[in-house]
PDB file of N, CA and C in Angstrom:
ATOM      1  N   UNK A   1     -32.501  -3.995   5.392  1.00  0.00           N
ATOM      2  CA  UNK A   1     -32.814  -3.068   4.320  1.00  0.00           C
ATOM      3  C   UNK A   1     -31.993  -3.435   3.084  1.00  0.00           C
ATOM      4  N   UNK A   2     -32.648  -3.639   1.996  1.00  0.00           N
ATOM      5  CA  UNK A   2     -31.973  -3.964   0.748  1.00  0.00           C
ATOM      6  C   UNK A   2     -31.391  -2.711   0.114  1.00  0.00           C
ATOM      7  N   UNK A   3     -30.290  -2.890  -0.570  1.00  0.00           N
ATOM      8  CA  UNK A   3     -29.613  -1.772  -1.209  1.00  0.00           C
ATOM      9  C   UNK A   3     -29.407  -2.120  -2.675  1.00  0.00           C
ATOM     10  N   UNK A   4     -29.805  -1.225  -3.541  1.00  0.00           N
ATOM     11  CA  UNK A   4     -29.590  -1.432  -4.976  1.00  0.00           C
ATOM     12  C   UNK A   4     -28.151  -1.047  -5.304  1.00  0.00           C
ATOM     13  N   UNK A   5     -27.532  -1.863  -6.130  1.00  0.00           N
ATOM     14  CA  UNK A   5     -26.143  -1.647  -6.498  1.00  0.00           C
ATOM     15  C   UNK A   5     -26.037  -1.601  -8.014  1.00  0.00           C
ATOM     16  N   UNK A   6     -25.375  -0.566  -8.517  1.00  0.00           N
ATOM     17  CA  UNK A   6     -25.083  -0.491  -9.942  1.00  0.00           C
ATOM     18  C   UNK A   6     -23.830  -1.316 -10.212  1.00  0.00           C
ATOM     19  N   UNK A   7     -23.898  -2.189 -11.161  1.00  0.00           N
ATOM     20  CA  UNK A   7     -22.770  -3.062 -11.463  1.00  0.00           C
ATOM     21  C   UNK A   7     -21.520  -2.246 -11.791  1.00  0.00           C
ATOM     22  N   UNK A   8     -21.680  -1.128 -12.469  1.00  0.00           N
ATOM     23  CA  UNK A   8     -20.526  -0.301 -12.831  1.00  0.00           C
ATOM     24  C   UNK A   8     -19.833   0.306 -11.614  1.00  0.00           C
ATOM     25  N   UNK A   9     -20.497   0.331 -10.453  1.00  0.00           N
ATOM     26  CA  UNK A   9     -19.910   0.875  -9.233  1.00  0.00           C
ATOM     27  C   UNK A   9     -19.113  -0.158  -8.450  1.00  0.00           C
ATOM     28  N   UNK A  10     -19.172  -1.426  -8.852  1.00  0.00           N
ATOM     29  CA  UNK A  10     -18.436  -2.470  -8.146  1.00  0.00           C
ATOM     30  C   UNK A  10     -16.970  -2.459  -8.560  1.00  0.00           C
ATOM     31  N   UNK A  11     -16.086  -2.479  -7.569  1.00  0.00           N
ATOM     32  CA  UNK A  11     -14.646  -2.478  -7.834  1.00  0.00           C
ATOM     33  C   UNK A  11     -13.972  -3.535  -6.967  1.00  0.00           C
ATOM     34  N   UNK A  12     -12.844  -4.031  -7.453  1.00  0.00           N
ATOM     35  CA  UNK A  12     -12.097  -5.033  -6.698  1.00  0.00           C
ATOM     36  C   UNK A  12     -10.964  -4.350  -5.923  1.00  0.00           C
ATOM     37  N   UNK A  13     -10.164  -5.141  -5.237  1.00  0.00           N
ATOM     38  CA  UNK A  13      -9.094  -4.598  -4.395  1.00  0.00           C
ATOM     39  C   UNK A  13      -8.075  -3.806  -5.210  1.00  0.00           C
ATOM     40  N   UNK A  14      -7.855  -4.201  -6.441  1.00  0.00           N
ATOM     41  CA  UNK A  14      -6.925  -3.467  -7.301  1.00  0.00           C
ATOM     42  C   UNK A  14      -7.404  -2.029  -7.501  1.00  0.00           C
ATOM     43  N   UNK A  15      -8.692  -1.859  -7.791  1.00  0.00           N
ATOM     44  CA  UNK A  15      -9.246  -0.513  -7.992  1.00  0.00           C
ATOM     45  C   UNK A  15      -9.302   0.268  -6.684  1.00  0.00           C
ATOM     46  N   UNK A  16      -9.611  -0.411  -5.580  1.00  0.00           N
ATOM     47  CA  UNK A  16      -9.598   0.265  -4.272  1.00  0.00           C
ATOM     48  C   UNK A  16      -8.195   0.801  -4.006  1.00  0.00           C
ATOM     49  N   UNK A  17      -7.186  -0.016  -4.259  1.00  0.00           N
ATOM     50  CA  UNK A  17      -5.802   0.409  -4.040  1.00  0.00           C
ATOM     51  C   UNK A  17      -5.469   1.629  -4.887  1.00  0.00           C
ATOM     52  N   UNK A  18      -5.910   1.647  -6.146  1.00  0.00           N
ATOM     53  CA  UNK A  18      -5.645   2.804  -7.013  1.00  0.00           C
ATOM     54  C   UNK A  18      -6.287   4.062  -6.442  1.00  0.00           C
ATOM     55  N   UNK A  19      -7.529   3.950  -5.992  1.00  0.00           N
ATOM     56  CA  UNK A  19      -8.231   5.113  -5.434  1.00  0.00           C
ATOM     57  C   UNK A  19      -7.507   5.633  -4.198  1.00  0.00           C
ATOM     58  N   UNK A  20      -7.027   4.719  -3.364  1.00  0.00           N
ATOM     59  CA  UNK A  20      -6.357   5.109  -2.122  1.00  0.00           C
ATOM     60  C   UNK A  20      -4.897   5.505  -2.330  1.00  0.00           C
ATOM     61  N   UNK A  21      -4.405   5.350  -3.559  1.00  0.00           N
ATOM     62  CA  UNK A  21      -3.024   5.708  -3.837  1.00  0.00           C
ATOM     63  C   UNK A  21      -2.033   4.669  -3.337  1.00  0.00           C
ATOM     64  N   UNK A  22      -2.468   3.430  -3.201  1.00  0.00           N
ATOM     65  CA  UNK A  22      -1.605   2.349  -2.734  1.00  0.00           C
ATOM     66  C   UNK A  22      -0.954   1.666  -3.934  1.00  0.00           C
ATOM     67  N   UNK A  23       0.239   1.132  -3.731  1.00  0.00           N
ATOM     68  CA  UNK A  23       0.938   0.491  -4.836  1.00  0.00           C
ATOM     69  C   UNK A  23       0.570  -0.974  -4.998  1.00  0.00           C
ATOM     70  N   UNK A  24       0.057  -1.601  -3.937  1.00  0.00           N
ATOM     71  CA  UNK A  24      -0.284  -3.029  -3.998  1.00  0.00           C
ATOM     72  C   UNK A  24      -1.708  -3.263  -3.516  1.00  0.00           C
ATOM     73  N   UNK A  25      -2.429  -4.106  -4.207  1.00  0.00           N
ATOM     74  CA  UNK A  25      -3.806  -4.397  -3.808  1.00  0.00           C
ATOM     75  C   UNK A  25      -3.865  -5.135  -2.478  1.00  0.00           C
ATOM     76  N   UNK A  26      -2.798  -5.847  -2.125  1.00  0.00           N
ATOM     77  CA  UNK A  26      -2.785  -6.569  -0.855  1.00  0.00           C
ATOM     78  C   UNK A  26      -2.820  -5.633   0.347  1.00  0.00           C
ATOM     79  N   UNK A  27      -2.406  -4.393   0.154  1.00  0.00           N
ATOM     80  CA  UNK A  27      -2.415  -3.412   1.235  1.00  0.00           C
ATOM     81  C   UNK A  27      -3.842  -3.058   1.646  1.00  0.00           C
ATOM     82  N   UNK A  28      -4.808  -3.280   0.780  1.00  0.00           N
ATOM     83  CA  UNK A  28      -6.205  -2.981   1.103  1.00  0.00           C
ATOM     84  C   UNK A  28      -6.636  -3.767   2.343  1.00  0.00           C
ATOM     85  N   UNK A  29      -6.246  -5.015   2.462  1.00  0.00           N
ATOM     86  CA  UNK A  29      -6.626  -5.807   3.646  1.00  0.00           C
ATOM     87  C   UNK A  29      -6.004  -5.222   4.901  1.00  0.00           C
ATOM     88  N   UNK A  30      -4.801  -4.666   4.810  1.00  0.00           N
ATOM     89  CA  UNK A  30      -4.189  -4.002   5.966  1.00  0.00           C
ATOM     90  C   UNK A  30      -4.988  -2.764   6.358  1.00  0.00           C
ATOM     91  N   UNK A  31      -5.468  -2.028   5.362  1.00  0.00           N
ATOM     92  CA  UNK A  31      -6.303  -0.856   5.643  1.00  0.00           C
ATOM     93  C   UNK A  31      -7.592  -1.264   6.343  1.00  0.00           C
ATOM     94  N   UNK A  32      -8.163  -2.385   5.942  1.00  0.00           N
ATOM     95  CA  UNK A  32      -9.399  -2.840   6.583  1.00  0.00           C
ATOM     96  C   UNK A  32      -9.191  -3.087   8.071  1.00  0.00           C
ATOM     97  N   UNK A  33      -8.024  -3.562   8.455  1.00  0.00           N
ATOM     98  CA  UNK A  33      -7.721  -3.787   9.869  1.00  0.00           C
ATOM     99  C   UNK A  33      -7.348  -2.497  10.578  1.00  0.00           C
ATOM    100  N   UNK A  34      -6.641  -1.622   9.889  1.00  0.00           N
ATOM    101  CA  UNK A  34      -6.150  -0.379  10.484  1.00  0.00           C
ATOM    102  C   UNK A  34      -7.257   0.656  10.677  1.00  0.00           C
ATOM    103  N   UNK A  35      -8.213   0.689   9.752  1.00  0.00           N
ATOM    104  CA  UNK A  35      -9.270   1.706   9.783  1.00  0.00           C
ATOM    105  C   UNK A  35     -10.636   1.035   9.929  1.00  0.00           C
ATOM    106  N   UNK A  36     -11.163   0.972  11.154  1.00  0.00           N
ATOM    107  CA  UNK A  36     -12.457   0.301  11.347  1.00  0.00           C
ATOM    108  C   UNK A  36     -13.618   0.971  10.622  1.00  0.00           C
ATOM    109  N   UNK A  37     -13.450   2.255  10.258  1.00  0.00           N
ATOM    110  CA  UNK A  37     -14.529   2.957   9.568  1.00  0.00           C
ATOM    111  C   UNK A  37     -14.446   2.821   8.050  1.00  0.00           C
ATOM    112  N   UNK A  38     -13.430   2.127   7.550  1.00  0.00           N
ATOM    113  CA  UNK A  38     -13.325   1.929   6.105  1.00  0.00           C
ATOM    114  C   UNK A  38     -14.471   1.044   5.626  1.00  0.00           C
ATOM    115  N   UNK A  39     -15.078   1.401   4.494  1.00  0.00           N
ATOM    116  CA  UNK A  39     -16.172   0.566   3.968  1.00  0.00           C
ATOM    117  C   UNK A  39     -15.720  -0.870   3.759  1.00  0.00           C
ATOM    118  N   UNK A  40     -16.584  -1.777   4.125  1.00  0.00           N
ATOM    119  CA  UNK A  40     -16.321  -3.199   3.946  1.00  0.00           C
ATOM    120  C   UNK A  40     -16.828  -3.631   2.572  1.00  0.00           C
ATOM    121  N   UNK A  41     -16.298  -4.708   2.062  1.00  0.00           N
ATOM    122  CA  UNK A  41     -16.784  -5.190   0.765  1.00  0.00           C
ATOM    123  C   UNK A  41     -18.283  -5.478   0.811  1.00  0.00           C
ATOM    124  N   UNK A  42     -18.965  -5.187  -0.276  1.00  0.00           N
ATOM    125  CA  UNK A  42     -20.390  -5.523  -0.367  1.00  0.00           C
ATOM    126  C   UNK A  42     -20.549  -6.971  -0.792  1.00  0.00           C
ATOM    127  N   UNK A  43     -19.472  -7.545  -1.327  1.00  0.00           N
ATOM    128  CA  UNK A  43     -19.470  -8.956  -1.701  1.00  0.00           C
ATOM    129  C   UNK A  43     -18.115  -9.540  -1.332  1.00  0.00           C
ATOM    130  N   UNK A  44     -18.126 -10.494  -0.425  1.00  0.00           N
ATOM    131  CA  UNK A  44     -16.895 -11.151   0.010  1.00  0.00           C
ATOM    132  C   UNK A  44     -17.112 -12.650  -0.123  1.00  0.00           C
ATOM    133  N   UNK A  45     -16.426 -13.259  -1.063  1.00  0.00           N
ATOM    134  CA  UNK A  45     -16.620 -14.677  -1.341  1.00  0.00           C
ATOM    135  C   UNK A  45     -15.691 -15.579  -0.537  1.00  0.00           C
ATOM    136  N   UNK A  46     -14.935 -14.991   0.363  1.00  0.00           N
ATOM    137  CA  UNK A  46     -14.077 -15.789   1.224  1.00  0.00           C
ATOM    138  C   UNK A  46     -12.610 -15.710   0.850  1.00  0.00           C
ATOM    139  N   UNK A  47     -11.811 -16.310   1.686  1.00  0.00           N
ATOM    140  CA  UNK A  47     -10.351 -16.260   1.542  1.00  0.00           C
ATOM    141  C   UNK A  47      -9.907 -16.770   0.163  1.00  0.00           C
ATOM    142  N   UNK A  48      -9.041 -15.982  -0.465  1.00  0.00           N
ATOM    143  CA  UNK A  48      -8.508 -16.358  -1.755  1.00  0.00           C
ATOM    144  C   UNK A  48      -9.441 -16.107  -2.925  1.00  0.00           C
ATOM    145  N   UNK A  49     -10.601 -15.540  -2.653  1.00  0.00           N
ATOM    146  CA  UNK A  49     -11.557 -15.235  -3.726  1.00  0.00           C
ATOM    147  C   UNK A  49     -11.810 -13.735  -3.743  1.00  0.00           C
ATOM    148  N   UNK A  50     -12.294 -13.206  -4.837  1.00  0.00           N
ATOM    149  CA  UNK A  50     -12.453 -11.746  -4.955  1.00  0.00           C
ATOM    150  C   UNK A  50     -13.461 -11.169  -3.964  1.00  0.00           C
ATOM    151  N   UNK A  51     -13.152  -9.953  -3.546  1.00  0.00           N
ATOM    152  CA  UNK A  51     -14.082  -9.136  -2.780  1.00  0.00           C
ATOM    153  C   UNK A  51     -14.396  -7.916  -3.627  1.00  0.00           C
ATOM    154  N   UNK A  52     -15.602  -7.398  -3.493  1.00  0.00           N
ATOM    155  CA  UNK A  52     -16.009  -6.232  -4.270  1.00  0.00           C
ATOM    156  C   UNK A  52     -16.539  -5.143  -3.349  1.00  0.00           C
ATOM    157  N   UNK A  53     -16.141  -3.915  -3.633  1.00  0.00           N
ATOM    158  CA  UNK A  53     -16.575  -2.740  -2.901  1.00  0.00           C
ATOM    159  C   UNK A  53     -17.379  -1.857  -3.831  1.00  0.00           C
ATOM    160  N   UNK A  54     -18.069  -0.883  -3.248  1.00  0.00           N
ATOM    161  CA  UNK A  54     -18.749   0.132  -4.045  1.00  0.00           C
ATOM    162  C   UNK A  54     -17.840   1.344  -4.191  1.00  0.00           C
ATOM    163  N   UNK A  55     -17.550   1.714  -5.424  1.00  0.00           N
ATOM    164  CA  UNK A  55     -16.664   2.846  -5.696  1.00  0.00           C
ATOM    165  C   UNK A  55     -17.083   4.115  -4.946  1.00  0.00           C
ATOM    166  N   UNK A  56     -18.374   4.510  -4.969  1.00  0.00           N
ATOM    167  CA  UNK A  56     -18.736   5.741  -4.267  1.00  0.00           C
ATOM    168  C   UNK A  56     -18.440   5.683  -2.764  1.00  0.00           C
ATOM    169  N   UNK A  57     -18.600   4.523  -2.151  1.00  0.00           N
ATOM    170  CA  UNK A  57     -18.304   4.383  -0.717  1.00  0.00           C
ATOM    171  C   UNK A  57     -16.819   4.602  -0.452  1.00  0.00           C
ATOM    172  N   UNK A  58     -15.970   3.994  -1.264  1.00  0.00           N
ATOM    173  CA  UNK A  58     -14.521   4.134  -1.093  1.00  0.00           C
ATOM    174  C   UNK A  58     -14.091   5.571  -1.366  1.00  0.00           C
ATOM    175  N   UNK A  59     -14.633   6.187  -2.407  1.00  0.00           N
ATOM    176  CA  UNK A  59     -14.260   7.568  -2.734  1.00  0.00           C
ATOM    177  C   UNK A  59     -14.669   8.527  -1.626  1.00  0.00           C
ATOM    178  N   UNK A  60     -15.877   8.354  -1.064  1.00  0.00           N
ATOM    179  CA  UNK A  60     -16.318   9.215   0.051  1.00  0.00           C
ATOM    180  C   UNK A  60     -15.436   9.018   1.273  1.00  0.00           C
ATOM    181  N   UNK A  61     -15.140   7.775   1.602  1.00  0.00           N
ATOM    182  CA  UNK A  61     -14.317   7.489   2.766  1.00  0.00           C
ATOM    183  C   UNK A  61     -12.928   8.103   2.599  1.00  0.00           C
ATOM    184  N   UNK A  62     -12.346   7.936   1.425  1.00  0.00           N
ATOM    185  CA  UNK A  62     -11.017   8.476   1.183  1.00  0.00           C
ATOM    186  C   UNK A  62     -11.025  10.007   1.278  1.00  0.00           C
ATOM    187  N   UNK A  63     -12.043  10.638   0.741  1.00  0.00           N
ATOM    188  CA  UNK A  63     -12.138  12.103   0.825  1.00  0.00           C
ATOM    189  C   UNK A  63     -12.191  12.550   2.288  1.00  0.00           C
ATOM    190  N   UNK A  64     -12.924  11.819   3.133  1.00  0.00           N
ATOM    191  CA  UNK A  64     -12.969  12.145   4.574  1.00  0.00           C
ATOM    192  C   UNK A  64     -11.597  11.973   5.216  1.00  0.00           C
ATOM    193  N   UNK A  65     -10.859  10.938   4.810  1.00  0.00           N
ATOM    194  CA  UNK A  65      -9.524  10.722   5.358  1.00  0.00           C
ATOM    195  C   UNK A  65      -8.611  11.898   4.999  1.00  0.00           C
ATOM    196  N   UNK A  66      -8.693  12.363   3.773  1.00  0.00           N
ATOM    197  CA  UNK A  66      -7.872  13.487   3.337  1.00  0.00           C
ATOM    198  C   UNK A  66      -8.250  14.743   4.116  1.00  0.00           C
ATOM    199  N   UNK A  67      -9.562  14.983   4.277  1.00  0.00           N
ATOM    200  CA  UNK A  67     -10.024  16.160   5.029  1.00  0.00           C
ATOM    201  C   UNK A  67      -9.505  16.147   6.460  1.00  0.00           C
ATOM    202  N   UNK A  68      -9.443  14.982   7.058  1.00  0.00           N
ATOM    203  CA  UNK A  68      -8.984  14.841   8.441  1.00  0.00           C
ATOM    204  C   UNK A  68      -7.464  14.838   8.551  1.00  0.00           C
ATOM    205  N   UNK A  69      -6.785  14.872   7.411  1.00  0.00           N
ATOM    206  CA  UNK A  69      -5.335  14.870   7.422  1.00  0.00           C
ATOM    207  C   UNK A  69      -4.733  13.516   7.732  1.00  0.00           C
ATOM    208  N   UNK A  70      -5.500  12.461   7.558  1.00  0.00           N
ATOM    209  CA  UNK A  70      -5.006  11.110   7.849  1.00  0.00           C
ATOM    210  C   UNK A  70      -4.181  10.521   6.721  1.00  0.00           C
ATOM    211  N   UNK A  71      -4.218  11.134   5.584  1.00  0.00           N
ATOM    212  CA  UNK A  71      -3.459  10.642   4.440  1.00  0.00           C
ATOM    213  C   UNK A  71      -3.218  11.805   3.502  1.00  0.00           C
ATOM    214  N   UNK A  72      -2.293  11.634   2.629  1.00  0.00           N
ATOM    215  CA  UNK A  72      -2.039  12.712   1.670  1.00  0.00           C
ATOM    216  C   UNK A  72      -2.934  12.528   0.447  1.00  0.00           C
ATOM    217  N   UNK A  73      -3.346  13.623  -0.157  1.00  0.00           N
ATOM    218  CA  UNK A  73      -4.206  13.504  -1.342  1.00  0.00           C
ATOM    219  C   UNK A  73      -3.480  12.779  -2.466  1.00  0.00           C
ATOM    220  N   UNK A  74      -4.200  11.977  -3.191  1.00  0.00           N
ATOM    221  CA  UNK A  74      -3.626  11.242  -4.307  1.00  0.00           C
ATOM    222  C   UNK A  74      -3.757  12.058  -5.571  1.00  0.00           C
ATOM    223  N   UNK A  75      -3.004  11.638  -6.558  1.00  0.00           N
ATOM    224  CA  UNK A  75      -3.186  12.236  -7.880  1.00  0.00           C
ATOM    225  C   UNK A  75      -4.482  11.716  -8.448  1.00  0.00           C
ATOM    226  N   UNK A  76      -5.083  12.468  -9.344  1.00  0.00           N
ATOM    227  CA  UNK A  76      -6.366  12.072  -9.939  1.00  0.00           C
ATOM    228  C   UNK A  76      -6.239  10.711 -10.616  1.00  0.00           C
ATOM    229  N   UNK A  77      -7.186   9.839 -10.305  1.00  0.00           N
ATOM    230  CA  UNK A  77      -7.190   8.513 -10.898  1.00  0.00           C
ATOM    231  C   UNK A  77      -8.378   8.412 -11.835  1.00  0.00           C
ATOM    232  N   UNK A  78      -8.123   8.124 -13.087  1.00  0.00           N
ATOM    233  CA  UNK A  78      -9.197   7.985 -14.068  1.00  0.00           C
ATOM    234  C   UNK A  78      -9.943   6.680 -13.841  1.00  0.00           C
ATOM    235  N   UNK A  79     -11.223   6.696 -14.090  1.00  0.00           N
ATOM    236  CA  UNK A  79     -12.038   5.493 -13.949  1.00  0.00           C
ATOM    237  C   UNK A  79     -11.742   4.601 -15.045  1.00  0.00           C
TER     238      UNK A  79
END
């Protein structure tokens, strides 16, 4: 099934880290291993190259984590 993607919704590891309240973008890869239900990149060009996620997927996942008490709520992050 094909999925339409809005270019403005694509974010890199730096933006994912900001949404999750992480201080380093490298921690995103640790989250991918720690949380099997975390959204995977919609575009992964391989080791050492950028990966891109969909902002709405990451925001929904993070909201579920907060609801479940798995993480503390972050301060509001401006787009």
